[in-house]
Amino acid sequence: MIIFLVDFEDSYTFNIAADWSLFNHFKLRVINHRDFVAKKMEIFYQEKSRVHFFLGPGPGHPQDYLKVLKKIQFILKKFNETKFLGVCLGHQMVLTLKNESVEKSLDPKHGRQELIELNKSWQKKLFIPINTITVQRYNSLGIIPLKTNRSSHLLSAMGESMVFQDERFYTYQFHPESIGTLNKKYYFESMLKWLFSS
């Protein structure tokens, strides 16, 4: 399995890459978002291995990356087994593709923790055996889901999407790699388990 981590020129991208490098059973390659757009698909799929993409964090609004969004749509249509992971901007990009509106967050946080309650269903979905998670946020934009099934979202106390998961996507609004996210080992392990189990 190969995972391409799409870099939106954000310093946290390589913290994410460092955390993922601790896992085995797959190859991780970091690729700049401009190269993600420019390269032909054969470059990504030239090896006989499953290919997935991780949309990293970054500055700005998803609409600032229209060529990236278009490339994701193309991949989704052409390669049925390919899945997308995401963090922060990556989370917002995925939900933009789902026709959700990315607006100014009702509770913007930069380098601040947030407590989120997990019911039994979300504990099972996330492979996390605790009732409350403490995560670190760095976002001024947010999404209150209106177009997608709300059961696909783990919501904050303000009703904003903190996690999105369906058959093709698994994304976090918060930063699992941050020192402010407690029990951080769970979050990327959870994504990896989801990839291998789906």
Protein backbone atom coordinates (compact mmCIF):
# COMPACT_ATOMS: atom_id res chain seq x y z
CA MET A 1 0.00 0.00 0.00
CA ILE A 2 1.21 3.52 -0.85
CA ILE A 3 -0.06 6.71 0.80
CA PHE A 4 0.70 10.05 -0.84
CA LEU A 5 0.68 12.87 1.73
CA VAL A 6 -0.31 16.04 -0.13
CA ASP A 7 1.64 19.01 1.24
CA PHE A 8 -0.05 22.41 1.17
CA GLU A 9 3.20 24.05 2.28
CA ASP A 10 2.36 23.80 5.96
CA SER A 11 5.01 23.02 8.57
CA TYR A 12 2.76 20.45 10.26
CA THR A 13 2.86 18.25 7.16
CA PHE A 14 6.25 16.83 8.07
CA ASN A 15 5.19 16.26 11.69
CA ILE A 16 2.41 14.12 10.27
CA ALA A 17 4.90 12.34 8.00
CA ALA A 18 7.17 11.67 11.01
CA ASP A 19 4.29 10.11 12.97
CA TRP A 20 3.26 7.94 10.00
CA SER A 21 6.84 6.79 9.49
CA LEU A 22 6.54 4.83 12.76
CA PHE A 23 4.07 2.45 11.12
CA ASN A 24 4.93 -0.50 8.88
CA HIS A 25 3.15 -2.28 6.02
CA PHE A 26 2.95 0.70 3.62
CA LYS A 27 5.02 3.37 1.89
CA LEU A 28 4.49 7.07 2.63
CA ARG A 29 5.49 9.72 0.10
CA VAL A 30 5.11 13.48 0.55
CA ILE A 31 4.09 15.39 -2.58
CA ASN A 32 3.53 19.12 -3.03
CA HIS A 33 -0.04 20.05 -3.96
CA ARG A 34 1.14 21.57 -7.24
CA ASP A 35 2.80 18.29 -8.21
CA PHE A 36 -0.33 16.41 -7.15
CA VAL A 37 -2.23 18.46 -9.72
CA ALA A 38 0.43 18.38 -12.45
CA LYS A 39 1.52 14.75 -12.45
CA LYS A 40 -0.18 12.20 -14.65
CA MET A 41 -2.12 9.50 -12.82
CA GLU A 42 0.24 6.79 -14.05
CA ILE A 43 2.92 8.24 -11.74
CA PHE A 44 0.78 7.49 -8.70
CA TYR A 45 -0.46 4.10 -9.86
CA GLN A 46 2.68 2.72 -11.51
CA GLU A 47 3.39 0.19 -8.75
CA LYS A 48 1.20 -2.85 -8.19
CA SER A 49 -0.08 -1.64 -4.86
CA ARG A 50 -3.17 0.01 -3.43
CA VAL A 51 -2.91 3.81 -3.53
CA HIS A 52 -4.49 6.26 -1.09
CA PHE A 53 -4.07 9.99 -0.49
CA PHE A 54 -3.72 12.05 2.68
CA LEU A 55 -4.72 15.72 2.32
CA GLY A 56 -2.60 17.66 4.77
CA PRO A 57 -3.22 20.91 6.65
CA GLY A 58 -2.50 24.30 5.13
CA PRO A 59 -3.43 27.96 4.85
CA GLY A 60 -6.50 29.44 3.26
CA HIS A 61 -9.91 28.17 2.16
CA PRO A 62 -10.59 25.01 0.08
CA GLN A 63 -11.77 27.25 -2.76
CA ASP A 64 -8.17 28.51 -3.01
CA TYR A 65 -7.24 25.05 -4.34
CA LEU A 66 -9.76 24.46 -7.12
CA LYS A 67 -7.31 22.46 -9.24
CA VAL A 68 -6.67 20.12 -6.31
CA LEU A 69 -10.42 19.64 -5.79
CA LYS A 70 -10.84 18.86 -9.47
CA LYS A 71 -8.04 16.27 -9.35
CA ILE A 72 -9.60 14.59 -6.31
CA GLN A 73 -12.93 14.35 -8.12
CA PHE A 74 -11.21 12.74 -11.09
CA ILE A 75 -9.47 10.16 -8.88
CA LEU A 76 -12.69 9.31 -7.07
CA LYS A 77 -14.45 8.58 -10.36
CA LYS A 78 -11.63 6.64 -11.99
CA PHE A 79 -10.15 4.64 -9.10
CA ASN A 80 -12.85 3.04 -6.97
CA GLU A 81 -10.52 1.53 -4.38
CA THR A 82 -8.67 4.78 -3.64
CA LYS A 83 -9.55 6.48 -0.35
CA PHE A 84 -8.73 9.89 1.09
CA LEU A 85 -7.58 10.86 4.56
CA GLY A 86 -7.29 14.45 5.74
CA VAL A 87 -6.43 16.87 8.53
CA CYS A 88 -7.69 20.45 9.00
CA LEU A 89 -7.64 21.94 5.47
CA GLY A 90 -7.87 18.37 4.16
CA HIS A 91 -11.02 17.84 6.23
CA GLN A 92 -12.52 21.04 4.82
CA MET A 93 -11.59 20.11 1.24
CA VAL A 94 -13.33 16.76 1.50
CA LEU A 95 -16.49 18.35 2.87
CA THR A 96 -16.37 21.00 0.16
CA LEU A 97 -16.53 18.14 -2.33
CA LYS A 98 -19.56 16.91 -0.38
CA ASN A 99 -21.22 20.29 -1.01
CA GLU A 100 -20.87 21.49 2.56
CA SER A 101 -20.19 25.18 3.18
CA VAL A 102 -16.90 26.16 4.83
CA GLU A 103 -17.50 29.32 6.84
CA LYS A 104 -15.95 31.24 9.70
CA SER A 105 -15.93 28.93 12.72
CA LEU A 106 -18.39 29.64 15.53
CA ASP A 107 -15.54 28.85 17.91
CA PRO A 108 -12.18 29.55 16.22
CA LYS A 109 -9.19 28.06 18.01
CA HIS A 110 -5.48 28.23 17.28
CA GLY A 111 -3.26 26.07 19.43
CA ARG A 112 -6.04 25.39 21.91
CA GLN A 113 -7.52 22.15 23.16
CA GLU A 114 -11.08 20.94 22.76
CA LEU A 115 -12.88 18.15 24.61
CA ILE A 116 -15.21 15.99 22.52
CA GLU A 117 -17.55 13.32 23.84
CA LEU A 118 -17.56 9.90 22.17
CA ASN A 119 -20.62 7.68 22.29
CA LYS A 120 -20.30 3.92 21.84
CA SER A 121 -20.85 4.17 18.09
CA TRP A 122 -18.00 6.64 17.63
CA GLN A 123 -15.72 4.70 19.93
CA LYS A 124 -16.22 1.76 17.59
CA LYS A 125 -15.78 3.83 14.40
CA LEU A 126 -12.58 5.44 15.64
CA PHE A 127 -11.20 2.33 17.37
CA ILE A 128 -10.81 4.53 20.48
CA PRO A 129 -11.88 2.96 23.80
CA ILE A 130 -12.46 6.17 25.79
CA ASN A 131 -15.50 8.37 26.40
CA THR A 132 -13.89 11.80 25.96
CA ILE A 133 -11.06 12.87 23.70
CA THR A 134 -8.88 15.97 24.08
CA VAL A 135 -7.67 17.33 20.74
CA GLN A 136 -5.72 20.37 19.58
CA ARG A 137 -7.30 22.71 17.05
CA TYR A 138 -5.74 25.25 14.69
CA ASN A 139 -8.64 26.53 12.62
CA SER A 140 -10.64 29.71 12.08
CA LEU A 141 -12.89 28.08 9.46
CA GLY A 142 -15.44 25.40 10.24
CA ILE A 143 -18.35 23.37 8.90
CA ILE A 144 -21.80 22.78 10.32
CA PRO A 145 -22.95 19.79 8.25
CA LEU A 146 -26.19 20.34 6.36
CA LYS A 147 -25.78 18.35 3.12
CA THR A 148 -24.23 15.13 4.43
CA ASN A 149 -25.57 12.55 6.85
CA ARG A 150 -24.93 13.91 10.35
CA SER A 151 -24.22 10.39 11.56
CA SER A 152 -21.05 10.54 9.42
CA HIS A 153 -19.78 13.42 11.55
CA LEU A 154 -18.44 13.63 15.06
CA LEU A 155 -19.55 17.09 16.16
CA SER A 156 -18.14 19.63 18.59
CA ALA A 157 -20.30 21.16 21.33
CA MET A 158 -20.99 24.00 18.86
CA GLY A 159 -22.22 21.56 16.21
CA GLU A 160 -19.19 21.81 13.92
CA SER A 161 -17.71 18.76 12.21
CA MET A 162 -14.59 17.50 14.00
CA VAL A 163 -14.42 14.10 12.28
CA PHE A 164 -15.93 12.90 9.01
CA GLN A 165 -16.03 9.26 7.99
CA ASP A 166 -17.78 7.43 5.18
CA GLU A 167 -16.85 4.72 2.66
CA ARG A 168 -14.22 6.85 0.83
CA PHE A 169 -13.12 9.49 3.35
CA TYR A 170 -11.78 9.70 6.89
CA THR A 171 -10.78 13.19 8.04
CA TYR A 172 -10.10 15.24 11.19
CA GLN A 173 -10.65 18.98 11.66
CA PHE A 174 -8.18 18.93 14.57
CA HIS A 175 -4.46 18.07 14.53
CA PRO A 176 -3.74 14.53 15.79
CA GLU A 177 0.02 15.07 15.49
CA SER A 178 0.00 18.04 17.89
CA ILE A 179 1.43 17.75 21.38
CA GLY A 180 -1.86 19.20 22.62
CA THR A 181 -3.81 16.17 21.39
CA LEU A 182 -3.85 13.64 24.21
CA ASN A 183 -3.56 9.90 23.52
CA LYS A 184 -2.35 10.94 20.05
CA LYS A 185 -1.32 7.39 19.15
CA TYR A 186 -4.99 6.49 18.63
CA TYR A 187 -5.77 8.80 15.73
CA PHE A 188 -3.41 7.75 12.96
CA GLU A 189 -3.65 4.12 14.08
CA SER A 190 -7.40 4.49 13.66
CA MET A 191 -7.00 5.76 10.10
CA LEU A 192 -4.68 2.90 9.26
CA LYS A 193 -7.07 0.31 10.70
CA TRP A 194 -9.88 1.88 8.67
CA LEU A 195 -7.82 1.61 5.48
CA PHE A 196 -6.97 -2.04 6.09
CA SER A 197 -10.47 -3.01 7.18
CA SER A 198 -12.33 -1.38 4.29
